[in-house]
Amino acid sequence: MKAAVLQWIRQRLQGRKALTEIERARMLVAAIDRGGIPLNPARVNAIARDLGLEVSRKAPVEETVERIRGCLLRHREWDQ
């Protein structure tokens, strides 16, 4: 039973590629633009840190999202 479950998991994950920090940031901003609300501030902070931004744990999520937007706008060459 355990082997069957592990095999099923491997098949489901096979072929998936990991998202880059830029793709994760774009997905976050797009979801917020569609009306979504980021429920996990730690995840938003992690995305910002992956982009090279310094983020305080106490920083409001809205401020961090705006900093991510600014970073994506400044580095438009990442769109290639």
PDB file of N, CA and C in Angstrom:
ATOM      1  N   MET A   1       0.827  -1.194   0.000  1.00  0.00           N
ATOM      2  CA  MET A   1       0.000   0.000   0.000  1.00  0.00           C
ATOM      3  C   MET A   1       0.872   1.259   0.000  1.00  0.00           C
ATOM      4  N   LYS A   2       1.874   1.275   0.883  1.00  0.00           N
ATOM      5  CA  LYS A   2       2.744   2.439   0.979  1.00  0.00           C
ATOM      6  C   LYS A   2       3.512   2.660  -0.321  1.00  0.00           C
ATOM      7  N   ALA A   3       3.977   1.582  -0.933  1.00  0.00           N
ATOM      8  CA  ALA A   3       4.715   1.689  -2.186  1.00  0.00           C
ATOM      9  C   ALA A   3       3.820   2.232  -3.297  1.00  0.00           C
ATOM     10  N   ALA A   4       2.570   1.833  -3.302  1.00  0.00           N
ATOM     11  CA  ALA A   4       1.630   2.309  -4.319  1.00  0.00           C
ATOM     12  C   ALA A   4       1.381   3.806  -4.176  1.00  0.00           C
ATOM     13  N   VAL A   5       1.284   4.272  -2.948  1.00  0.00           N
ATOM     14  CA  VAL A   5       1.055   5.693  -2.708  1.00  0.00           C
ATOM     15  C   VAL A   5       2.280   6.497  -3.148  1.00  0.00           C
ATOM     16  N   LEU A   6       3.471   6.016  -2.801  1.00  0.00           N
ATOM     17  CA  LEU A   6       4.688   6.704  -3.208  1.00  0.00           C
ATOM     18  C   LEU A   6       4.831   6.740  -4.727  1.00  0.00           C
ATOM     19  N   GLN A   7       4.478   5.654  -5.376  1.00  0.00           N
ATOM     20  CA  GLN A   7       4.546   5.623  -6.835  1.00  0.00           C
ATOM     21  C   GLN A   7       3.558   6.617  -7.439  1.00  0.00           C
ATOM     22  N   TRP A   8       2.372   6.718  -6.877  1.00  0.00           N
ATOM     23  CA  TRP A   8       1.366   7.657  -7.358  1.00  0.00           C
ATOM     24  C   TRP A   8       1.872   9.097  -7.208  1.00  0.00           C
ATOM     25  N   ILE A   9       2.490   9.391  -6.065  1.00  0.00           N
ATOM     26  CA  ILE A   9       3.021  10.736  -5.828  1.00  0.00           C
ATOM     27  C   ILE A   9       4.125  11.051  -6.831  1.00  0.00           C
ATOM     28  N   ARG A  10       5.024  10.108  -7.052  1.00  0.00           N
ATOM     29  CA  ARG A  10       6.106  10.332  -8.013  1.00  0.00           C
ATOM     30  C   ARG A  10       5.558  10.605  -9.413  1.00  0.00           C
ATOM     31  N   GLN A  11       4.537   9.863  -9.812  1.00  0.00           N
ATOM     32  CA  GLN A  11       3.950  10.071 -11.136  1.00  0.00           C
ATOM     33  C   GLN A  11       3.314  11.452 -11.242  1.00  0.00           C
ATOM     34  N   ARG A  12       2.681  11.903 -10.164  1.00  0.00           N
ATOM     35  CA  ARG A  12       2.033  13.214 -10.185  1.00  0.00           C
ATOM     36  C   ARG A  12       3.055  14.352 -10.266  1.00  0.00           C
ATOM     37  N   LEU A  13       4.186  14.173  -9.605  1.00  0.00           N
ATOM     38  CA  LEU A  13       5.192  15.228  -9.568  1.00  0.00           C
ATOM     39  C   LEU A  13       6.167  15.173 -10.732  1.00  0.00           C
ATOM     40  N   GLN A  14       6.204  14.062 -11.424  1.00  0.00           N
ATOM     41  CA  GLN A  14       7.139  13.902 -12.528  1.00  0.00           C
ATOM     42  C   GLN A  14       6.780  14.869 -13.654  1.00  0.00           C
ATOM     43  N   GLY A  15       7.768  15.535 -14.175  1.00  0.00           N
ATOM     44  CA  GLY A  15       7.533  16.451 -15.283  1.00  0.00           C
ATOM     45  C   GLY A  15       7.265  17.878 -14.855  1.00  0.00           C
ATOM     46  N   ARG A  16       7.020  18.109 -13.573  1.00  0.00           N
ATOM     47  CA  ARG A  16       6.821  19.476 -13.108  1.00  0.00           C
ATOM     48  C   ARG A  16       8.172  20.139 -12.909  1.00  0.00           C
ATOM     49  N   LYS A  17       8.247  21.379 -13.315  1.00  0.00           N
ATOM     50  CA  LYS A  17       9.481  22.111 -13.066  1.00  0.00           C
ATOM     51  C   LYS A  17       9.218  23.137 -11.968  1.00  0.00           C
ATOM     52  N   ALA A  18      10.229  23.417 -11.229  1.00  0.00           N
ATOM     53  CA  ALA A  18      10.104  24.387 -10.147  1.00  0.00           C
ATOM     54  C   ALA A  18       9.958  25.789 -10.732  1.00  0.00           C
ATOM     55  N   LEU A  19       9.136  26.598 -10.104  1.00  0.00           N
ATOM     56  CA  LEU A  19       8.942  27.972 -10.551  1.00  0.00           C
ATOM     57  C   LEU A  19      10.118  28.830 -10.092  1.00  0.00           C
ATOM     58  N   THR A  20      10.495  29.767 -10.915  1.00  0.00           N
ATOM     59  CA  THR A  20      11.545  30.696 -10.519  1.00  0.00           C
ATOM     60  C   THR A  20      10.936  31.742  -9.587  1.00  0.00           C
ATOM     61  N   GLU A  21      11.790  32.488  -8.917  1.00  0.00           N
ATOM     62  CA  GLU A  21      11.289  33.526  -8.005  1.00  0.00           C
ATOM     63  C   GLU A  21      10.542  34.603  -8.784  1.00  0.00           C
ATOM     64  N   ILE A  22      10.944  34.829 -10.021  1.00  0.00           N
ATOM     65  CA  ILE A  22      10.272  35.840 -10.842  1.00  0.00           C
ATOM     66  C   ILE A  22       8.866  35.369 -11.213  1.00  0.00           C
ATOM     67  N   GLU A  23       8.744  34.108 -11.582  1.00  0.00           N
ATOM     68  CA  GLU A  23       7.424  33.564 -11.915  1.00  0.00           C
ATOM     69  C   GLU A  23       6.507  33.575 -10.694  1.00  0.00           C
ATOM     70  N   ARG A  24       7.072  33.239  -9.534  1.00  0.00           N
ATOM     71  CA  ARG A  24       6.273  33.265  -8.308  1.00  0.00           C
ATOM     72  C   ARG A  24       5.793  34.673  -8.005  1.00  0.00           C
ATOM     73  N   ALA A  25       6.674  35.661  -8.197  1.00  0.00           N
ATOM     74  CA  ALA A  25       6.304  37.058  -7.944  1.00  0.00           C
ATOM     75  C   ALA A  25       5.216  37.508  -8.907  1.00  0.00           C
ATOM     76  N   ARG A  26       5.363  37.165 -10.175  1.00  0.00           N
ATOM     77  CA  ARG A  26       4.334  37.532 -11.171  1.00  0.00           C
ATOM     78  C   ARG A  26       2.992  36.893 -10.842  1.00  0.00           C
ATOM     79  N   MET A  27       3.022  35.629 -10.431  1.00  0.00           N
ATOM     80  CA  MET A  27       1.783  34.942 -10.082  1.00  0.00           C
ATOM     81  C   MET A  27       1.115  35.601  -8.873  1.00  0.00           C
ATOM     82  N   LEU A  28       1.915  35.996  -7.893  1.00  0.00           N
ATOM     83  CA  LEU A  28       1.378  36.671  -6.707  1.00  0.00           C
ATOM     84  C   LEU A  28       0.715  37.984  -7.091  1.00  0.00           C
ATOM     85  N   VAL A  29       1.403  38.799  -7.868  1.00  0.00           N
ATOM     86  CA  VAL A  29       0.862  40.097  -8.272  1.00  0.00           C
ATOM     87  C   VAL A  29      -0.395  39.912  -9.128  1.00  0.00           C
ATOM     88  N   ALA A  30      -0.374  38.944 -10.027  1.00  0.00           N
ATOM     89  CA  ALA A  30      -1.550  38.694 -10.872  1.00  0.00           C
ATOM     90  C   ALA A  30      -2.745  38.260 -10.037  1.00  0.00           C
ATOM     91  N   ALA A  31      -2.517  37.422  -9.042  1.00  0.00           N
ATOM     92  CA  ALA A  31      -3.613  36.957  -8.183  1.00  0.00           C
ATOM     93  C   ALA A  31      -4.198  38.124  -7.379  1.00  0.00           C
ATOM     94  N   ILE A  32      -3.337  39.001  -6.896  1.00  0.00           N
ATOM     95  CA  ILE A  32      -3.817  40.157  -6.143  1.00  0.00           C
ATOM     96  C   ILE A  32      -4.578  41.105  -7.057  1.00  0.00           C
ATOM     97  N   ASP A  33      -4.106  41.277  -8.287  1.00  0.00           N
ATOM     98  CA  ASP A  33      -4.802  42.133  -9.248  1.00  0.00           C
ATOM     99  C   ASP A  33      -6.181  41.592  -9.596  1.00  0.00           C
ATOM    100  N   ARG A  34      -6.343  40.277  -9.531  1.00  0.00           N
ATOM    101  CA  ARG A  34      -7.656  39.672  -9.798  1.00  0.00           C
ATOM    102  C   ARG A  34      -8.576  39.735  -8.587  1.00  0.00           C
ATOM    103  N   GLY A  35      -8.090  40.321  -7.490  1.00  0.00           N
ATOM    104  CA  GLY A  35      -8.931  40.479  -6.314  1.00  0.00           C
ATOM    105  C   GLY A  35      -8.593  39.547  -5.175  1.00  0.00           C
ATOM    106  N   GLY A  36      -7.535  38.793  -5.309  1.00  0.00           N
ATOM    107  CA  GLY A  36      -7.142  37.875  -4.244  1.00  0.00           C
ATOM    108  C   GLY A  36      -6.479  38.598  -3.093  1.00  0.00           C
ATOM    109  N   ILE A  37      -6.459  37.938  -1.958  1.00  0.00           N
ATOM    110  CA  ILE A  37      -5.842  38.481  -0.765  1.00  0.00           C
ATOM    111  C   ILE A  37      -4.768  37.504  -0.309  1.00  0.00           C
ATOM    112  N   PRO A  38      -3.530  37.964  -0.169  1.00  0.00           N
ATOM    113  CA  PRO A  38      -2.480  37.057   0.308  1.00  0.00           C
ATOM    114  C   PRO A  38      -2.734  36.681   1.765  1.00  0.00           C
ATOM    115  N   LEU A  39      -2.938  35.407   2.015  1.00  0.00           N
ATOM    116  CA  LEU A  39      -3.272  34.947   3.357  1.00  0.00           C
ATOM    117  C   LEU A  39      -2.041  34.619   4.191  1.00  0.00           C
ATOM    118  N   ASN A  40      -0.908  34.407   3.541  1.00  0.00           N
ATOM    119  CA  ASN A  40       0.285  34.005   4.263  1.00  0.00           C
ATOM    120  C   ASN A  40       1.381  35.058   4.076  1.00  0.00           C
ATOM    121  N   PRO A  41       1.521  35.973   5.052  1.00  0.00           N
ATOM    122  CA  PRO A  41       2.539  37.016   4.930  1.00  0.00           C
ATOM    123  C   PRO A  41       3.956  36.455   4.816  1.00  0.00           C
ATOM    124  N   ALA A  42       4.206  35.329   5.428  1.00  0.00           N
ATOM    125  CA  ALA A  42       5.545  34.730   5.355  1.00  0.00           C
ATOM    126  C   ALA A  42       5.887  34.338   3.922  1.00  0.00           C
ATOM    127  N   ARG A  43       4.907  33.861   3.172  1.00  0.00           N
ATOM    128  CA  ARG A  43       5.145  33.487   1.777  1.00  0.00           C
ATOM    129  C   ARG A  43       5.440  34.728   0.927  1.00  0.00           C
ATOM    130  N   VAL A  44       4.699  35.801   1.177  1.00  0.00           N
ATOM    131  CA  VAL A  44       4.937  37.052   0.450  1.00  0.00           C
ATOM    132  C   VAL A  44       6.343  37.563   0.761  1.00  0.00           C
ATOM    133  N   ASN A  45       6.725  37.516   2.032  1.00  0.00           N
ATOM    134  CA  ASN A  45       8.069  37.952   2.424  1.00  0.00           C
ATOM    135  C   ASN A  45       9.139  37.074   1.789  1.00  0.00           C
ATOM    136  N   ALA A  46       8.888  35.778   1.709  1.00  0.00           N
ATOM    137  CA  ALA A  46       9.861  34.859   1.099  1.00  0.00           C
ATOM    138  C   ALA A  46      10.055  35.183  -0.380  1.00  0.00           C
ATOM    139  N   ILE A  47       8.973  35.482  -1.080  1.00  0.00           N
ATOM    140  CA  ILE A  47       9.068  35.840  -2.496  1.00  0.00           C
ATOM    141  C   ILE A  47       9.886  37.119  -2.642  1.00  0.00           C
ATOM    142  N   ALA A  48       9.617  38.098  -1.784  1.00  0.00           N
ATOM    143  CA  ALA A  48      10.360  39.363  -1.836  1.00  0.00           C
ATOM    144  C   ALA A  48      11.842  39.133  -1.561  1.00  0.00           C
ATOM    145  N   ARG A  49      12.149  38.313  -0.578  1.00  0.00           N
ATOM    146  CA  ARG A  49      13.548  38.038  -0.263  1.00  0.00           C
ATOM    147  C   ARG A  49      14.238  37.297  -1.404  1.00  0.00           C
ATOM    148  N   ASP A  50      13.509  36.400  -2.052  1.00  0.00           N
ATOM    149  CA  ASP A  50      14.083  35.686  -3.202  1.00  0.00           C
ATOM    150  C   ASP A  50      14.425  36.638  -4.341  1.00  0.00           C
ATOM    151  N   LEU A  51      13.701  37.746  -4.426  1.00  0.00           N
ATOM    152  CA  LEU A  51      13.987  38.756  -5.445  1.00  0.00           C
ATOM    153  C   LEU A  51      15.136  39.673  -5.027  1.00  0.00           C
ATOM    154  N   GLY A  52      15.625  39.509  -3.804  1.00  0.00           N
ATOM    155  CA  GLY A  52      16.737  40.318  -3.330  1.00  0.00           C
ATOM    156  C   GLY A  52      16.329  41.517  -2.498  1.00  0.00           C
ATOM    157  N   LEU A  53      15.057  41.595  -2.137  1.00  0.00           N
ATOM    158  CA  LEU A  53      14.584  42.709  -1.318  1.00  0.00           C
ATOM    159  C   LEU A  53      14.776  42.385   0.159  1.00  0.00           C
ATOM    160  N   GLU A  54      15.107  43.387   0.938  1.00  0.00           N
ATOM    161  CA  GLU A  54      15.182  43.211   2.385  1.00  0.00           C
ATOM    162  C   GLU A  54      13.813  43.526   2.956  1.00  0.00           C
ATOM    163  N   VAL A  55      13.253  42.580   3.707  1.00  0.00           N
ATOM    164  CA  VAL A  55      11.894  42.730   4.211  1.00  0.00           C
ATOM    165  C   VAL A  55      11.876  42.431   5.707  1.00  0.00           C
ATOM    166  N   SER A  56      11.271  43.319   6.456  1.00  0.00           N
ATOM    167  CA  SER A  56      11.093  43.089   7.886  1.00  0.00           C
ATOM    168  C   SER A  56       9.917  42.144   8.097  1.00  0.00           C
ATOM    169  N   ARG A  57      10.018  41.339   9.141  1.00  0.00           N
ATOM    170  CA  ARG A  57       8.893  40.451   9.460  1.00  0.00           C
ATOM    171  C   ARG A  57       7.676  41.256   9.874  1.00  0.00           C
ATOM    172  N   LYS A  58       7.903  42.480  10.324  1.00  0.00           N
ATOM    173  CA  LYS A  58       6.804  43.320  10.800  1.00  0.00           C
ATOM    174  C   LYS A  58       6.228  44.212   9.709  1.00  0.00           C
ATOM    175  N   ALA A  59       6.798  44.162   8.519  1.00  0.00           N
ATOM    176  CA  ALA A  59       6.325  45.014   7.420  1.00  0.00           C
ATOM    177  C   ALA A  59       4.920  44.588   6.992  1.00  0.00           C
ATOM    178  N   PRO A  60       4.050  45.551   6.727  1.00  0.00           N
ATOM    179  CA  PRO A  60       2.704  45.203   6.236  1.00  0.00           C
ATOM    180  C   PRO A  60       2.791  44.503   4.877  1.00  0.00           C
ATOM    181  N   VAL A  61       1.904  43.546   4.669  1.00  0.00           N
ATOM    182  CA  VAL A  61       1.896  42.773   3.425  1.00  0.00           C
ATOM    183  C   VAL A  61       1.693  43.688   2.223  1.00  0.00           C
ATOM    184  N   GLU A  62       0.826  44.682   2.372  1.00  0.00           N
ATOM    185  CA  GLU A  62       0.544  45.593   1.256  1.00  0.00           C
ATOM    186  C   GLU A  62       1.813  46.319   0.816  1.00  0.00           C
ATOM    187  N   GLU A  63       2.616  46.731   1.787  1.00  0.00           N
ATOM    188  CA  GLU A  63       3.872  47.417   1.473  1.00  0.00           C
ATOM    189  C   GLU A  63       4.838  46.475   0.747  1.00  0.00           C
ATOM    190  N   THR A  64       4.898  45.248   1.201  1.00  0.00           N
ATOM    191  CA  THR A  64       5.792  44.272   0.573  1.00  0.00           C
ATOM    192  C   THR A  64       5.351  43.984  -0.858  1.00  0.00           C
ATOM    193  N   VAL A  65       4.060  43.866  -1.076  1.00  0.00           N
ATOM    194  CA  VAL A  65       3.547  43.616  -2.424  1.00  0.00           C
ATOM    195  C   VAL A  65       3.891  44.779  -3.343  1.00  0.00           C
ATOM    196  N   GLU A  66       3.770  45.988  -2.850  1.00  0.00           N
ATOM    197  CA  GLU A  66       4.122  47.159  -3.666  1.00  0.00           C
ATOM    198  C   GLU A  66       5.612  47.164  -3.996  1.00  0.00           C
ATOM    199  N   ARG A  67       6.433  46.745  -3.057  1.00  0.00           N
ATOM    200  CA  ARG A  67       7.876  46.660  -3.323  1.00  0.00           C
ATOM    201  C   ARG A  67       8.170  45.595  -4.375  1.00  0.00           C
ATOM    202  N   ILE A  68       7.429  44.488  -4.335  1.00  0.00           N
ATOM    203  CA  ILE A  68       7.591  43.431  -5.350  1.00  0.00           C
ATOM    204  C   ILE A  68       7.188  43.974  -6.714  1.00  0.00           C
ATOM    205  N   ARG A  69       6.062  44.689  -6.765  1.00  0.00           N
ATOM    206  CA  ARG A  69       5.625  45.298  -8.031  1.00  0.00           C
ATOM    207  C   ARG A  69       6.703  46.232  -8.582  1.00  0.00           C
ATOM    208  N   GLY A  70       7.244  47.063  -7.719  1.00  0.00           N
ATOM    209  CA  GLY A  70       8.284  47.992  -8.143  1.00  0.00           C
ATOM    210  C   GLY A  70       9.512  47.269  -8.667  1.00  0.00           C
ATOM    211  N   CYS A  71       9.873  46.197  -8.012  1.00  0.00           N
ATOM    212  CA  CYS A  71      11.029  45.412  -8.449  1.00  0.00           C
ATOM    213  C   CYS A  71      10.786  44.822  -9.836  1.00  0.00           C
ATOM    214  N   LEU A  72       9.598  44.286 -10.055  1.00  0.00           N
ATOM    215  CA  LEU A  72       9.274  43.713 -11.363  1.00  0.00           C
ATOM    216  C   LEU A  72       9.248  44.793 -12.450  1.00  0.00           C
ATOM    217  N   LEU A  73       8.776  45.989 -12.096  1.00  0.00           N
ATOM    218  CA  LEU A  73       8.750  47.083 -13.067  1.00  0.00           C
ATOM    219  C   LEU A  73      10.157  47.576 -13.395  1.00  0.00           C
ATOM    220  N   ARG A  74      11.022  47.649 -12.382  1.00  0.00           N
ATOM    221  CA  ARG A  74      12.396  48.116 -12.611  1.00  0.00           C
ATOM    222  C   ARG A  74      13.191  47.149 -13.470  1.00  0.00           C
ATOM    223  N   HIS A  75      12.874  45.878 -13.374  1.00  0.00           N
ATOM    224  CA  HIS A  75      13.642  44.855 -14.065  1.00  0.00           C
ATOM    225  C   HIS A  75      12.804  44.212 -15.162  1.00  0.00           C
ATOM    226  N   ARG A  76      12.416  44.993 -16.109  1.00  0.00           N
ATOM    227  CA  ARG A  76      11.588  44.486 -17.205  1.00  0.00           C
ATOM    228  C   ARG A  76      12.326  43.490 -18.099  1.00  0.00           C
ATOM    229  N   GLU A  77      13.658  43.481 -18.032  1.00  0.00           N
ATOM    230  CA  GLU A  77      14.415  42.518 -18.841  1.00  0.00           C
ATOM    231  C   GLU A  77      14.142  41.082 -18.393  1.00  0.00           C
ATOM    232  N   TRP A  78      13.571  40.915 -17.203  1.00  0.00           N
ATOM    233  CA  TRP A  78      13.212  39.580 -16.735  1.00  0.00           C
ATOM    234  C   TRP A  78      12.051  38.991 -17.525  1.00  0.00           C
ATOM    235  N   ASP A  79      11.357  39.834 -18.303  1.00  0.00           N
ATOM    236  CA  ASP A  79      10.200  39.366 -19.077  1.00  0.00           C
ATOM    237  C   ASP A  79      10.622  38.505 -20.271  1.00  0.00           C
ATOM    238  N   GLN A  80      11.885  38.483 -20.586  1.00  0.00           N
ATOM    239  CA  GLN A  80      12.339  37.758 -21.780  1.00  0.00           C
ATOM    240  C   GLN A  80      12.231  36.287 -21.599  1.00  0.00           C
TER     241      GLN A  80
END
